[in-house]
Amino acid sequence: MQIQRKTLAEEVAERLLEGILNDEYIIGEKLPIEPELMKIYGVGRSSIREAIKILLIKGILSVQQGVGTFVVSKNAQESLETQMDKAKLEDVLEVRSILDAKIAGKAAAHRTEEDLKTIKMFLDLRNKLADDRKALECYEADVNFHVSIAKACGNSLLKEIFIIASKHILSSFEHRHDNDTQPFKISQKIHTDLYLAIENKDSEKAEFIAQQIVDRIY
């Protein structure tokens, strides 16, 4: 499933953390510079930077401006994903619903042509699967439609929170769906309207439509 794949940055973060736990990188020691890390892990600069950001959030690394990135702990703080694992589904749904409108508005402002292709692909797939009465697959396409909007929003933190929340919501749906695709057919038009607002870079309209989807006004 697309939203569950690990990114290169996540894989690098895991390998970096393994190195820290195995004392390849000692607490208080500065990490190698970016070009060296790129050679060690065989990835580009953006993946290295994103991996470091992941470990910064977990409290494993600390950046000193103009000096470098240092190992400060072996004990990761409880991740957002772990916290969502423990949270009630209603709370996770609330988090996602609060973010939907803001993300849609930002996506309208920042989307690229490539983003639009991905969003449209999942919009069309959602429609086809609804017609084919494949509820679980249709819900996956619906989640990926909204995730692709989050990926276009230009804010990596909003994107990550939204993806984590969506993954947990999808997991719950897998255990309770009843093969009814009628709600997806009914809401296809408003999802198309959301896509068009993003395509037209109309942030205000995108926010309004996204909130209507959250409130199920369609």
N, C-alpha and C. Protein backbone atom coordinates (compact mmCIF):
# COMPACT_ATOMS: atom_id res chain seq x y z
N MET A 1 0.84 -1.20 0.00
CA MET A 1 0.00 0.00 0.00
C MET A 1 0.88 1.25 0.00
N GLN A 2 0.59 2.18 -0.83
CA GLN A 2 1.50 3.30 -1.07
C GLN A 2 1.87 4.07 0.19
N ILE A 3 0.90 4.41 1.03
CA ILE A 3 1.20 5.29 2.14
C ILE A 3 1.99 4.60 3.25
N GLN A 4 2.21 3.28 3.12
CA GLN A 4 2.94 2.58 4.15
C GLN A 4 4.39 2.32 3.76
N ARG A 5 4.77 2.67 2.53
CA ARG A 5 6.15 2.44 2.12
C ARG A 5 7.10 3.37 2.86
N LYS A 6 8.27 2.83 3.22
CA LYS A 6 9.28 3.67 3.85
C LYS A 6 9.99 4.49 2.78
N THR A 7 10.26 5.73 3.10
CA THR A 7 11.01 6.57 2.19
C THR A 7 12.50 6.26 2.37
N LEU A 8 13.30 6.74 1.42
CA LEU A 8 14.76 6.60 1.56
C LEU A 8 15.24 7.26 2.85
N ALA A 9 14.64 8.42 3.15
CA ALA A 9 15.05 9.15 4.35
C ALA A 9 14.76 8.34 5.61
N GLU A 10 13.62 7.67 5.64
CA GLU A 10 13.28 6.85 6.82
C GLU A 10 14.24 5.68 6.96
N GLU A 11 14.62 5.08 5.82
CA GLU A 11 15.57 3.97 5.86
C GLU A 11 16.94 4.45 6.35
N VAL A 12 17.37 5.61 5.88
CA VAL A 12 18.65 6.17 6.32
C VAL A 12 18.59 6.50 7.81
N ALA A 13 17.47 7.05 8.26
CA ALA A 13 17.32 7.38 9.69
C ALA A 13 17.45 6.12 10.53
N GLU A 14 16.85 5.02 10.07
CA GLU A 14 16.94 3.75 10.81
C GLU A 14 18.38 3.25 10.86
N ARG A 15 19.09 3.36 9.73
CA ARG A 15 20.49 2.91 9.70
C ARG A 15 21.39 3.79 10.55
N LEU A 16 21.11 5.09 10.53
CA LEU A 16 21.86 6.00 11.41
C LEU A 16 21.63 5.66 12.87
N LEU A 17 20.37 5.40 13.21
CA LEU A 17 20.04 5.06 14.59
C LEU A 17 20.71 3.75 15.00
N GLU A 18 20.73 2.77 14.10
CA GLU A 18 21.43 1.51 14.38
C GLU A 18 22.91 1.78 14.67
N GLY A 19 23.51 2.66 13.86
CA GLY A 19 24.91 3.00 14.07
C GLY A 19 25.14 3.66 15.42
N ILE A 20 24.21 4.49 15.84
CA ILE A 20 24.31 5.16 17.15
C ILE A 20 24.16 4.14 18.27
N LEU A 21 23.19 3.23 18.13
CA LEU A 21 22.97 2.21 19.17
C LEU A 21 24.15 1.25 19.27
N ASN A 22 24.83 1.04 18.12
CA ASN A 22 26.00 0.14 18.11
C ASN A 22 27.32 0.87 18.35
N ASP A 23 27.22 2.15 18.77
CA ASP A 23 28.39 2.97 19.11
C ASP A 23 29.31 3.25 17.93
N GLU A 24 28.75 3.17 16.70
CA GLU A 24 29.53 3.63 15.55
C GLU A 24 29.63 5.15 15.60
N TYR A 25 28.59 5.77 16.14
CA TYR A 25 28.57 7.21 16.40
C TYR A 25 28.31 7.38 17.89
N ILE A 26 29.26 7.99 18.60
CA ILE A 26 29.21 8.09 20.06
C ILE A 26 28.46 9.35 20.49
N ILE A 27 27.77 9.26 21.63
CA ILE A 27 27.10 10.43 22.19
C ILE A 27 28.13 11.55 22.41
N GLY A 28 27.82 12.73 21.94
CA GLY A 28 28.74 13.86 22.04
C GLY A 28 29.59 14.02 20.80
N GLU A 29 29.57 13.01 19.93
CA GLU A 29 30.39 13.04 18.72
C GLU A 29 29.62 13.71 17.58
N LYS A 30 30.36 14.40 16.72
CA LYS A 30 29.75 15.04 15.55
C LYS A 30 29.62 14.03 14.42
N LEU A 31 28.46 14.04 13.76
CA LEU A 31 28.27 13.17 12.60
C LEU A 31 29.18 13.61 11.45
N PRO A 32 29.50 12.69 10.55
CA PRO A 32 30.24 13.10 9.34
C PRO A 32 29.45 14.17 8.58
N ILE A 33 30.14 14.93 7.76
CA ILE A 33 29.48 15.98 6.99
C ILE A 33 28.59 15.33 5.91
N GLU A 34 27.68 16.13 5.37
CA GLU A 34 26.68 15.60 4.42
C GLU A 34 27.28 14.81 3.26
N PRO A 35 28.31 15.33 2.56
CA PRO A 35 28.86 14.56 1.43
C PRO A 35 29.35 13.17 1.84
N GLU A 36 29.92 13.06 3.06
CA GLU A 36 30.39 11.75 3.53
C GLU A 36 29.21 10.84 3.82
N LEU A 37 28.16 11.38 4.45
CA LEU A 37 26.98 10.58 4.74
C LEU A 37 26.31 10.12 3.45
N MET A 38 26.34 10.97 2.42
CA MET A 38 25.76 10.60 1.13
C MET A 38 26.51 9.40 0.54
N LYS A 39 27.82 9.37 0.69
CA LYS A 39 28.62 8.25 0.19
C LYS A 39 28.37 6.99 1.02
N ILE A 40 28.31 7.15 2.33
CA ILE A 40 28.12 6.01 3.23
C ILE A 40 26.80 5.30 2.95
N TYR A 41 25.72 6.10 2.77
CA TYR A 41 24.38 5.51 2.65
C TYR A 41 23.87 5.46 1.21
N GLY A 42 24.64 6.00 0.28
CA GLY A 42 24.29 5.89 -1.12
C GLY A 42 23.01 6.61 -1.52
N VAL A 43 22.76 7.75 -0.89
CA VAL A 43 21.55 8.52 -1.20
C VAL A 43 21.92 9.98 -1.44
N GLY A 44 20.95 10.76 -1.89
CA GLY A 44 21.18 12.16 -2.17
C GLY A 44 21.12 13.04 -0.94
N ARG A 45 21.45 14.30 -1.12
CA ARG A 45 21.51 15.26 -0.03
C ARG A 45 20.15 15.43 0.66
N SER A 46 19.07 15.46 -0.13
CA SER A 46 17.76 15.69 0.47
C SER A 46 17.36 14.54 1.41
N SER A 47 17.72 13.30 1.05
CA SER A 47 17.40 12.15 1.92
C SER A 47 18.19 12.21 3.22
N ILE A 48 19.46 12.64 3.13
CA ILE A 48 20.28 12.78 4.34
C ILE A 48 19.69 13.84 5.25
N ARG A 49 19.32 14.97 4.67
CA ARG A 49 18.77 16.06 5.49
C ARG A 49 17.45 15.66 6.15
N GLU A 50 16.62 14.93 5.39
CA GLU A 50 15.33 14.50 5.94
C GLU A 50 15.54 13.46 7.04
N ALA A 51 16.53 12.57 6.86
CA ALA A 51 16.83 11.56 7.88
C ALA A 51 17.30 12.22 9.17
N ILE A 52 18.15 13.23 9.03
CA ILE A 52 18.63 13.96 10.21
C ILE A 52 17.47 14.66 10.89
N LYS A 53 16.56 15.22 10.10
CA LYS A 53 15.40 15.89 10.68
C LYS A 53 14.55 14.91 11.50
N ILE A 54 14.40 13.68 10.98
CA ILE A 54 13.64 12.65 11.70
C ILE A 54 14.27 12.37 13.06
N LEU A 55 15.60 12.26 13.08
CA LEU A 55 16.29 11.96 14.34
C LEU A 55 16.38 13.17 15.25
N LEU A 56 16.32 14.37 14.68
CA LEU A 56 16.23 15.58 15.50
C LEU A 56 14.91 15.59 16.27
N ILE A 57 13.82 15.27 15.56
CA ILE A 57 12.49 15.25 16.18
C ILE A 57 12.44 14.22 17.30
N LYS A 58 13.15 13.10 17.12
CA LYS A 58 13.14 12.04 18.13
C LYS A 58 14.10 12.32 19.29
N GLY A 59 14.86 13.41 19.20
CA GLY A 59 15.76 13.76 20.29
C GLY A 59 17.07 13.00 20.27
N ILE A 60 17.38 12.35 19.15
CA ILE A 60 18.63 11.57 19.03
C ILE A 60 19.79 12.48 18.61
N LEU A 61 19.51 13.44 17.76
CA LEU A 61 20.53 14.34 17.25
C LEU A 61 20.22 15.78 17.64
N SER A 62 21.25 16.61 17.58
CA SER A 62 21.08 18.04 17.83
C SER A 62 21.99 18.80 16.86
N VAL A 63 21.47 19.86 16.27
CA VAL A 63 22.24 20.67 15.33
C VAL A 63 22.76 21.92 16.01
N GLN A 64 24.05 22.15 15.89
CA GLN A 64 24.65 23.40 16.35
C GLN A 64 25.02 24.20 15.10
N GLN A 65 24.32 25.32 14.89
CA GLN A 65 24.52 26.11 13.69
C GLN A 65 25.98 26.51 13.51
N GLY A 66 26.49 26.24 12.32
CA GLY A 66 27.86 26.61 12.00
C GLY A 66 28.90 25.64 12.54
N VAL A 67 28.46 24.65 13.30
CA VAL A 67 29.40 23.67 13.88
C VAL A 67 29.17 22.28 13.30
N GLY A 68 27.92 21.80 13.39
CA GLY A 68 27.63 20.47 12.87
C GLY A 68 26.47 19.81 13.59
N THR A 69 26.24 18.54 13.26
CA THR A 69 25.16 17.74 13.87
C THR A 69 25.77 16.75 14.83
N PHE A 70 25.27 16.73 16.06
CA PHE A 70 25.85 15.91 17.12
C PHE A 70 24.86 14.86 17.63
N VAL A 71 25.43 13.72 18.04
CA VAL A 71 24.63 12.68 18.70
C VAL A 71 24.45 13.09 20.16
N VAL A 72 23.21 13.15 20.62
CA VAL A 72 22.98 13.59 22.00
C VAL A 72 22.27 12.54 22.85
N SER A 73 21.73 11.48 22.21
CA SER A 73 21.01 10.47 23.00
C SER A 73 20.87 9.18 22.20
N LYS A 74 20.68 8.09 22.93
CA LYS A 74 20.34 6.81 22.29
C LYS A 74 18.86 6.49 22.48
N ASN A 75 18.20 7.28 23.29
CA ASN A 75 16.81 7.00 23.65
C ASN A 75 15.87 7.93 22.89
N ALA A 76 15.16 7.37 21.93
CA ALA A 76 14.23 8.18 21.14
C ALA A 76 13.01 8.56 21.96
N GLN A 77 12.58 9.78 21.81
CA GLN A 77 11.32 10.19 22.41
C GLN A 77 10.19 9.46 21.68
N GLU A 78 9.10 9.24 22.37
CA GLU A 78 7.98 8.52 21.76
C GLU A 78 7.53 9.26 20.51
N SER A 79 7.51 8.56 19.40
CA SER A 79 7.18 9.19 18.12
C SER A 79 5.69 9.51 18.04
N LEU A 80 5.39 10.40 17.13
CA LEU A 80 4.00 10.75 16.89
C LEU A 80 3.21 9.52 16.46
N GLU A 81 3.82 8.68 15.63
CA GLU A 81 3.14 7.48 15.16
C GLU A 81 2.81 6.55 16.32
N THR A 82 3.74 6.40 17.27
CA THR A 82 3.49 5.57 18.44
C THR A 82 2.36 6.14 19.28
N GLN A 83 2.34 7.46 19.43
CA GLN A 83 1.26 8.09 20.18
C GLN A 83 -0.08 7.86 19.51
N MET A 84 -0.10 7.92 18.17
CA MET A 84 -1.35 7.67 17.46
C MET A 84 -1.78 6.21 17.58
N ASP A 85 -0.80 5.31 17.68
CA ASP A 85 -1.12 3.89 17.91
C ASP A 85 -1.94 3.73 19.19
N LYS A 86 -1.63 4.54 20.17
CA LYS A 86 -2.27 4.43 21.48
C LYS A 86 -3.56 5.25 21.57
N ALA A 87 -3.76 6.14 20.62
CA ALA A 87 -4.90 7.05 20.68
C ALA A 87 -6.18 6.37 20.22
N LYS A 88 -7.31 6.92 20.64
CA LYS A 88 -8.60 6.45 20.17
C LYS A 88 -8.78 6.88 18.71
N LEU A 89 -9.50 6.06 17.96
CA LEU A 89 -9.73 6.36 16.55
C LEU A 89 -10.40 7.73 16.40
N GLU A 90 -11.32 8.05 17.29
CA GLU A 90 -12.03 9.33 17.22
C GLU A 90 -11.06 10.50 17.31
N ASP A 91 -10.03 10.34 18.14
CA ASP A 91 -9.04 11.41 18.30
C ASP A 91 -8.20 11.56 17.03
N VAL A 92 -7.84 10.42 16.42
CA VAL A 92 -7.06 10.47 15.19
C VAL A 92 -7.88 11.10 14.07
N LEU A 93 -9.17 10.73 13.99
CA LEU A 93 -10.06 11.32 12.99
C LEU A 93 -10.16 12.83 13.17
N GLU A 94 -10.20 13.26 14.43
CA GLU A 94 -10.31 14.69 14.71
C GLU A 94 -9.05 15.43 14.25
N VAL A 95 -7.89 14.84 14.49
CA VAL A 95 -6.64 15.45 14.06
C VAL A 95 -6.64 15.65 12.55
N ARG A 96 -7.04 14.58 11.83
CA ARG A 96 -7.02 14.68 10.37
C ARG A 96 -8.04 15.69 9.87
N SER A 97 -9.21 15.70 10.48
CA SER A 97 -10.26 16.60 10.00
C SER A 97 -9.89 18.07 10.24
N ILE A 98 -9.17 18.34 11.32
CA ILE A 98 -8.72 19.71 11.60
C ILE A 98 -7.72 20.18 10.54
N LEU A 99 -6.90 19.24 10.05
CA LEU A 99 -5.85 19.59 9.10
C LEU A 99 -6.33 19.70 7.65
N ASP A 100 -7.41 19.00 7.33
CA ASP A 100 -7.83 18.86 5.93
C ASP A 100 -7.93 20.18 5.18
N ALA A 101 -8.70 21.13 5.73
CA ALA A 101 -8.95 22.38 5.01
C ALA A 101 -7.67 23.18 4.82
N LYS A 102 -6.86 23.29 5.87
CA LYS A 102 -5.61 24.06 5.78
C LYS A 102 -4.67 23.45 4.74
N ILE A 103 -4.58 22.12 4.74
CA ILE A 103 -3.70 21.43 3.79
C ILE A 103 -4.19 21.66 2.36
N ALA A 104 -5.50 21.58 2.15
CA ALA A 104 -6.05 21.79 0.81
C ALA A 104 -5.74 23.20 0.30
N GLY A 105 -5.89 24.18 1.18
CA GLY A 105 -5.59 25.56 0.79
C GLY A 105 -4.14 25.75 0.43
N LYS A 106 -3.25 25.15 1.22
CA LYS A 106 -1.82 25.28 0.94
C LYS A 106 -1.44 24.52 -0.33
N ALA A 107 -2.10 23.38 -0.56
CA ALA A 107 -1.81 22.60 -1.77
C ALA A 107 -2.19 23.40 -3.02
N ALA A 108 -3.30 24.13 -2.94
CA ALA A 108 -3.70 24.96 -4.08
C ALA A 108 -2.64 26.02 -4.41
N ALA A 109 -1.98 26.49 -3.38
CA ALA A 109 -0.96 27.53 -3.57
C ALA A 109 0.38 26.96 -4.04
N HIS A 110 0.68 25.72 -3.66
CA HIS A 110 2.03 25.20 -3.87
C HIS A 110 2.11 24.04 -4.86
N ARG A 111 0.99 23.49 -5.31
CA ARG A 111 1.02 22.28 -6.12
C ARG A 111 1.80 22.48 -7.42
N THR A 112 2.42 21.39 -7.86
CA THR A 112 3.11 21.37 -9.14
C THR A 112 2.27 20.58 -10.14
N GLU A 113 2.68 20.60 -11.40
CA GLU A 113 1.98 19.81 -12.41
C GLU A 113 2.08 18.32 -12.10
N GLU A 114 3.22 17.92 -11.56
CA GLU A 114 3.39 16.51 -11.18
C GLU A 114 2.46 16.14 -10.03
N ASP A 115 2.30 17.05 -9.06
CA ASP A 115 1.36 16.82 -7.97
C ASP A 115 -0.05 16.63 -8.51
N LEU A 116 -0.43 17.48 -9.47
CA LEU A 116 -1.78 17.39 -10.04
C LEU A 116 -2.02 16.04 -10.71
N LYS A 117 -1.02 15.53 -11.40
CA LYS A 117 -1.16 14.23 -12.06
C LYS A 117 -1.43 13.13 -11.04
N THR A 118 -0.72 13.18 -9.92
CA THR A 118 -0.90 12.15 -8.88
C THR A 118 -2.27 12.28 -8.23
N ILE A 119 -2.67 13.50 -7.89
CA ILE A 119 -3.97 13.73 -7.27
C ILE A 119 -5.09 13.24 -8.20
N LYS A 120 -4.98 13.59 -9.50
CA LYS A 120 -6.01 13.19 -10.48
C LYS A 120 -6.03 11.68 -10.66
N MET A 121 -4.88 11.04 -10.62
CA MET A 121 -4.83 9.59 -10.77
C MET A 121 -5.64 8.90 -9.68
N PHE A 122 -5.46 9.36 -8.43
CA PHE A 122 -6.19 8.73 -7.33
C PHE A 122 -7.67 9.13 -7.35
N LEU A 123 -7.98 10.32 -7.83
CA LEU A 123 -9.38 10.73 -7.97
C LEU A 123 -10.09 9.81 -8.96
N ASP A 124 -9.48 9.55 -10.11
CA ASP A 124 -10.08 8.68 -11.12
C ASP A 124 -10.16 7.24 -10.62
N LEU A 125 -9.11 6.80 -9.92
CA LEU A 125 -9.10 5.43 -9.40
C LEU A 125 -10.20 5.24 -8.36
N ARG A 126 -10.38 6.24 -7.53
CA ARG A 126 -11.44 6.22 -6.52
C ARG A 126 -12.80 6.00 -7.19
N ASN A 127 -13.04 6.71 -8.28
CA ASN A 127 -14.30 6.62 -9.01
C ASN A 127 -14.49 5.24 -9.63
N LYS A 128 -13.44 4.74 -10.26
CA LYS A 128 -13.53 3.42 -10.92
C LYS A 128 -13.81 2.32 -9.92
N LEU A 129 -13.10 2.35 -8.78
CA LEU A 129 -13.27 1.31 -7.78
C LEU A 129 -14.65 1.38 -7.12
N ALA A 130 -15.18 2.59 -7.02
CA ALA A 130 -16.55 2.74 -6.49
C ALA A 130 -17.54 2.09 -7.45
N ASP A 131 -17.35 2.33 -8.75
CA ASP A 131 -18.22 1.70 -9.75
C ASP A 131 -18.09 0.18 -9.74
N ASP A 132 -16.87 -0.31 -9.46
CA ASP A 132 -16.61 -1.75 -9.42
C ASP A 132 -17.03 -2.38 -8.08
N ARG A 133 -17.52 -1.56 -7.17
CA ARG A 133 -17.98 -1.99 -5.85
C ARG A 133 -16.88 -2.71 -5.05
N LYS A 134 -15.69 -2.12 -5.11
CA LYS A 134 -14.56 -2.63 -4.33
C LYS A 134 -14.28 -1.63 -3.21
N ALA A 135 -14.96 -1.81 -2.08
CA ALA A 135 -14.97 -0.80 -1.03
C ALA A 135 -13.59 -0.56 -0.41
N LEU A 136 -12.89 -1.62 -0.06
CA LEU A 136 -11.60 -1.45 0.61
C LEU A 136 -10.60 -0.77 -0.32
N GLU A 137 -10.53 -1.24 -1.56
CA GLU A 137 -9.61 -0.63 -2.52
C GLU A 137 -10.00 0.81 -2.80
N CYS A 138 -11.32 1.08 -2.83
CA CYS A 138 -11.81 2.44 -3.06
C CYS A 138 -11.41 3.35 -1.91
N TYR A 139 -11.50 2.84 -0.69
CA TYR A 139 -11.11 3.64 0.46
C TYR A 139 -9.62 3.93 0.44
N GLU A 140 -8.82 2.95 0.02
CA GLU A 140 -7.38 3.17 -0.10
C GLU A 140 -7.09 4.28 -1.11
N ALA A 141 -7.82 4.25 -2.24
CA ALA A 141 -7.64 5.29 -3.25
C ALA A 141 -8.07 6.65 -2.71
N ASP A 142 -9.14 6.67 -1.93
CA ASP A 142 -9.60 7.92 -1.32
C ASP A 142 -8.55 8.48 -0.37
N VAL A 143 -8.00 7.62 0.48
CA VAL A 143 -6.95 8.05 1.41
C VAL A 143 -5.75 8.58 0.65
N ASN A 144 -5.36 7.86 -0.40
CA ASN A 144 -4.20 8.29 -1.18
C ASN A 144 -4.47 9.58 -1.95
N PHE A 145 -5.72 9.82 -2.33
CA PHE A 145 -6.10 11.10 -2.94
C PHE A 145 -5.80 12.24 -1.98
N HIS A 146 -6.24 12.08 -0.73
CA HIS A 146 -6.01 13.13 0.27
C HIS A 146 -4.55 13.23 0.68
N VAL A 147 -3.86 12.08 0.74
CA VAL A 147 -2.44 12.10 1.06
C VAL A 147 -1.65 12.81 -0.03
N SER A 148 -2.02 12.59 -1.29
CA SER A 148 -1.31 13.25 -2.39
C SER A 148 -1.52 14.76 -2.35
N ILE A 149 -2.67 15.20 -1.84
CA ILE A 149 -2.89 16.64 -1.63
C ILE A 149 -1.97 17.13 -0.52
N ALA A 150 -1.86 16.34 0.56
CA ALA A 150 -0.97 16.72 1.67
C ALA A 150 0.48 16.82 1.21
N LYS A 151 0.88 15.91 0.32
CA LYS A 151 2.25 15.94 -0.19
C LYS A 151 2.52 17.17 -1.04
N ALA A 152 1.44 17.77 -1.55
CA ALA A 152 1.59 18.95 -2.40
C ALA A 152 1.50 20.26 -1.62
N CYS A 153 1.30 20.18 -0.31
CA CYS A 153 0.98 21.39 0.46
C CYS A 153 2.17 22.27 0.76
N GLY A 154 3.39 21.74 0.61
CA GLY A 154 4.57 22.57 0.82
C GLY A 154 5.02 22.67 2.27
N ASN A 155 4.39 21.90 3.16
CA ASN A 155 4.77 21.91 4.58
C ASN A 155 5.02 20.46 5.00
N SER A 156 6.29 20.11 5.19
CA SER A 156 6.65 18.71 5.45
C SER A 156 6.08 18.20 6.76
N LEU A 157 5.97 19.07 7.77
CA LEU A 157 5.44 18.62 9.05
C LEU A 157 3.95 18.32 8.95
N LEU A 158 3.19 19.22 8.33
CA LEU A 158 1.76 18.96 8.10
C LEU A 158 1.58 17.66 7.32
N LYS A 159 2.41 17.49 6.30
CA LYS A 159 2.32 16.29 5.45
C LYS A 159 2.52 15.03 6.28
N GLU A 160 3.57 14.99 7.12
CA GLU A 160 3.88 13.79 7.89
C GLU A 160 2.78 13.48 8.90
N ILE A 161 2.27 14.50 9.58
CA ILE A 161 1.19 14.28 10.55
C ILE A 161 -0.03 13.71 9.84
N PHE A 162 -0.35 14.27 8.69
CA PHE A 162 -1.53 13.84 7.93
C PHE A 162 -1.37 12.40 7.46
N ILE A 163 -0.18 12.05 6.96
CA ILE A 163 0.06 10.69 6.47
C ILE A 163 -0.07 9.68 7.59
N ILE A 164 0.51 9.99 8.75
CA ILE A 164 0.43 9.07 9.88
C ILE A 164 -1.02 8.87 10.31
N ALA A 165 -1.77 9.96 10.42
CA ALA A 165 -3.17 9.87 10.82
C ALA A 165 -3.96 9.07 9.79
N SER A 166 -3.72 9.32 8.51
CA SER A 166 -4.46 8.63 7.46
C SER A 166 -4.18 7.13 7.47
N LYS A 167 -2.94 6.77 7.74
CA LYS A 167 -2.57 5.36 7.77
C LYS A 167 -3.33 4.62 8.87
N HIS A 168 -3.49 5.28 10.02
CA HIS A 168 -4.20 4.65 11.13
C HIS A 168 -5.70 4.55 10.84
N ILE A 169 -6.25 5.56 10.18
CA ILE A 169 -7.67 5.53 9.83
C ILE A 169 -7.93 4.42 8.81
N LEU A 170 -7.03 4.29 7.83
CA LEU A 170 -7.16 3.23 6.83
C LEU A 170 -7.11 1.86 7.49
N SER A 171 -6.21 1.69 8.44
CA SER A 171 -6.09 0.41 9.14
C SER A 171 -7.39 0.05 9.83
N SER A 172 -8.04 1.02 10.44
CA SER A 172 -9.31 0.75 11.14
C SER A 172 -10.40 0.38 10.13
N PHE A 173 -10.39 1.02 8.95
CA PHE A 173 -11.40 0.74 7.94
C PHE A 173 -11.26 -0.69 7.43
N GLU A 174 -10.04 -1.18 7.35
CA GLU A 174 -9.81 -2.54 6.85
C GLU A 174 -10.53 -3.58 7.69
N HIS A 175 -10.81 -3.26 8.95
CA HIS A 175 -11.45 -4.22 9.85
C HIS A 175 -12.96 -4.02 9.98
N ARG A 176 -13.49 -2.96 9.36
CA ARG A 176 -14.91 -2.69 9.58
C ARG A 176 -15.69 -2.36 8.32
N HIS A 177 -15.05 -2.38 7.15
CA HIS A 177 -15.78 -2.00 5.93
C HIS A 177 -16.82 -3.06 5.59
N ASP A 178 -17.89 -2.65 4.91
CA ASP A 178 -18.99 -3.56 4.59
C ASP A 178 -19.26 -3.64 3.09
N ASN A 179 -18.22 -3.30 2.30
CA ASN A 179 -18.30 -3.38 0.84
C ASN A 179 -19.34 -2.44 0.22
N ASP A 180 -19.71 -1.40 0.94
CA ASP A 180 -20.66 -0.43 0.41
C ASP A 180 -19.89 0.74 -0.21
N THR A 181 -19.97 0.88 -1.51
CA THR A 181 -19.25 1.97 -2.19
C THR A 181 -20.16 3.15 -2.54
N GLN A 182 -21.42 3.08 -2.15
CA GLN A 182 -22.35 4.16 -2.49
C GLN A 182 -21.90 5.52 -1.94
N PRO A 183 -21.38 5.59 -0.69
CA PRO A 183 -20.91 6.90 -0.19
C PRO A 183 -19.80 7.50 -1.06
N PHE A 184 -18.97 6.64 -1.65
CA PHE A 184 -17.89 7.14 -2.51
C PHE A 184 -18.45 7.70 -3.82
N LYS A 185 -19.49 7.04 -4.34
CA LYS A 185 -20.13 7.53 -5.57
C LYS A 185 -20.78 8.90 -5.32
N ILE A 186 -21.45 9.01 -4.18
CA ILE A 186 -22.14 10.26 -3.84
C ILE A 186 -21.14 11.42 -3.69
N SER A 187 -19.99 11.12 -3.11
CA SER A 187 -19.02 12.18 -2.81
C SER A 187 -17.99 12.40 -3.92
N GLN A 188 -18.13 11.68 -5.04
CA GLN A 188 -17.14 11.82 -6.11
C GLN A 188 -17.13 13.24 -6.68
N LYS A 189 -18.31 13.83 -6.85
CA LYS A 189 -18.38 15.17 -7.44
C LYS A 189 -17.65 16.20 -6.58
N ILE A 190 -17.86 16.17 -5.27
CA ILE A 190 -17.23 17.18 -4.41
C ILE A 190 -15.72 16.96 -4.36
N HIS A 191 -15.28 15.70 -4.47
CA HIS A 191 -13.84 15.45 -4.53
C HIS A 191 -13.26 15.98 -5.85
N THR A 192 -14.05 15.88 -6.92
CA THR A 192 -13.63 16.45 -8.20
C THR A 192 -13.55 17.97 -8.10
N ASP A 193 -14.52 18.57 -7.42
CA ASP A 193 -14.51 20.03 -7.22
C ASP A 193 -13.26 20.45 -6.44
N LEU A 194 -12.86 19.63 -5.46
CA LEU A 194 -11.66 19.94 -4.68
C LEU A 194 -10.43 19.90 -5.59
N TYR A 195 -10.37 18.88 -6.42
CA TYR A 195 -9.25 18.78 -7.36
C TYR A 195 -9.19 20.02 -8.27
N LEU A 196 -10.33 20.43 -8.79
CA LEU A 196 -10.37 21.57 -9.70
C LEU A 196 -9.94 22.86 -9.01
N ALA A 197 -10.33 23.03 -7.74
CA ALA A 197 -9.92 24.22 -6.99
C ALA A 197 -8.41 24.24 -6.81
N ILE A 198 -7.83 23.08 -6.55
CA ILE A 198 -6.37 22.99 -6.40
C ILE A 198 -5.70 23.23 -7.74
N GLU A 199 -6.26 22.66 -8.80
CA GLU A 199 -5.72 22.87 -10.15
C GLU A 199 -5.73 24.36 -10.51
N ASN A 200 -6.79 25.05 -10.13
CA ASN A 200 -6.94 26.47 -10.45
C ASN A 200 -6.23 27.40 -9.45
N LYS A 201 -5.55 26.81 -8.49
CA LYS A 201 -4.82 27.55 -7.46
C LYS A 201 -5.73 28.49 -6.66
N ASP A 202 -6.94 28.02 -6.42
CA ASP A 202 -7.92 28.79 -5.65
C ASP A 202 -7.91 28.27 -4.20
N SER A 203 -7.03 28.84 -3.38
CA SER A 203 -6.84 28.34 -2.02
C SER A 203 -8.11 28.48 -1.17
N GLU A 204 -8.77 29.61 -1.30
CA GLU A 204 -9.97 29.84 -0.49
C GLU A 204 -11.06 28.82 -0.81
N LYS A 205 -11.27 28.56 -2.09
CA LYS A 205 -12.28 27.59 -2.49
C LYS A 205 -11.88 26.17 -2.08
N ALA A 206 -10.59 25.85 -2.21
CA ALA A 206 -10.10 24.53 -1.82
C ALA A 206 -10.33 24.28 -0.34
N GLU A 207 -10.05 25.29 0.49
CA GLU A 207 -10.29 25.16 1.93
C GLU A 207 -11.77 24.94 2.22
N PHE A 208 -12.62 25.71 1.54
CA PHE A 208 -14.07 25.62 1.77
C PHE A 208 -14.59 24.23 1.40
N ILE A 209 -14.17 23.73 0.23
CA ILE A 209 -14.64 22.41 -0.22
C ILE A 209 -14.12 21.31 0.68
N ALA A 210 -12.85 21.40 1.07
CA ALA A 210 -12.27 20.38 1.96
C ALA A 210 -13.03 20.33 3.27
N GLN A 211 -13.44 21.48 3.79
CA GLN A 211 -14.20 21.50 5.04
C GLN A 211 -15.59 20.88 4.83
N GLN A 212 -16.18 21.11 3.67
CA GLN A 212 -17.47 20.47 3.37
C GLN A 212 -17.33 18.94 3.34
N ILE A 213 -16.21 18.45 2.80
CA ILE A 213 -15.97 17.00 2.78
C ILE A 213 -15.83 16.49 4.20
N VAL A 214 -15.08 17.21 5.04
CA VAL A 214 -14.94 16.82 6.44
C VAL A 214 -16.29 16.76 7.13
N ASP A 215 -17.12 17.77 6.87
CA ASP A 215 -18.43 17.85 7.52
C ASP A 215 -19.50 17.03 6.81
N ARG A 216 -19.10 16.36 5.71
CA ARG A 216 -20.00 15.52 4.92
C ARG A 216 -21.20 16.30 4.40
N ILE A 217 -20.93 17.49 3.91
CA ILE A 217 -21.97 18.30 3.29
C ILE A 217 -21.84 18.15 1.78
N TYR A 218 -22.47 17.12 1.24
CA TYR A 218 -22.42 16.89 -0.20
C TYR A 218 -23.58 16.00 -0.65
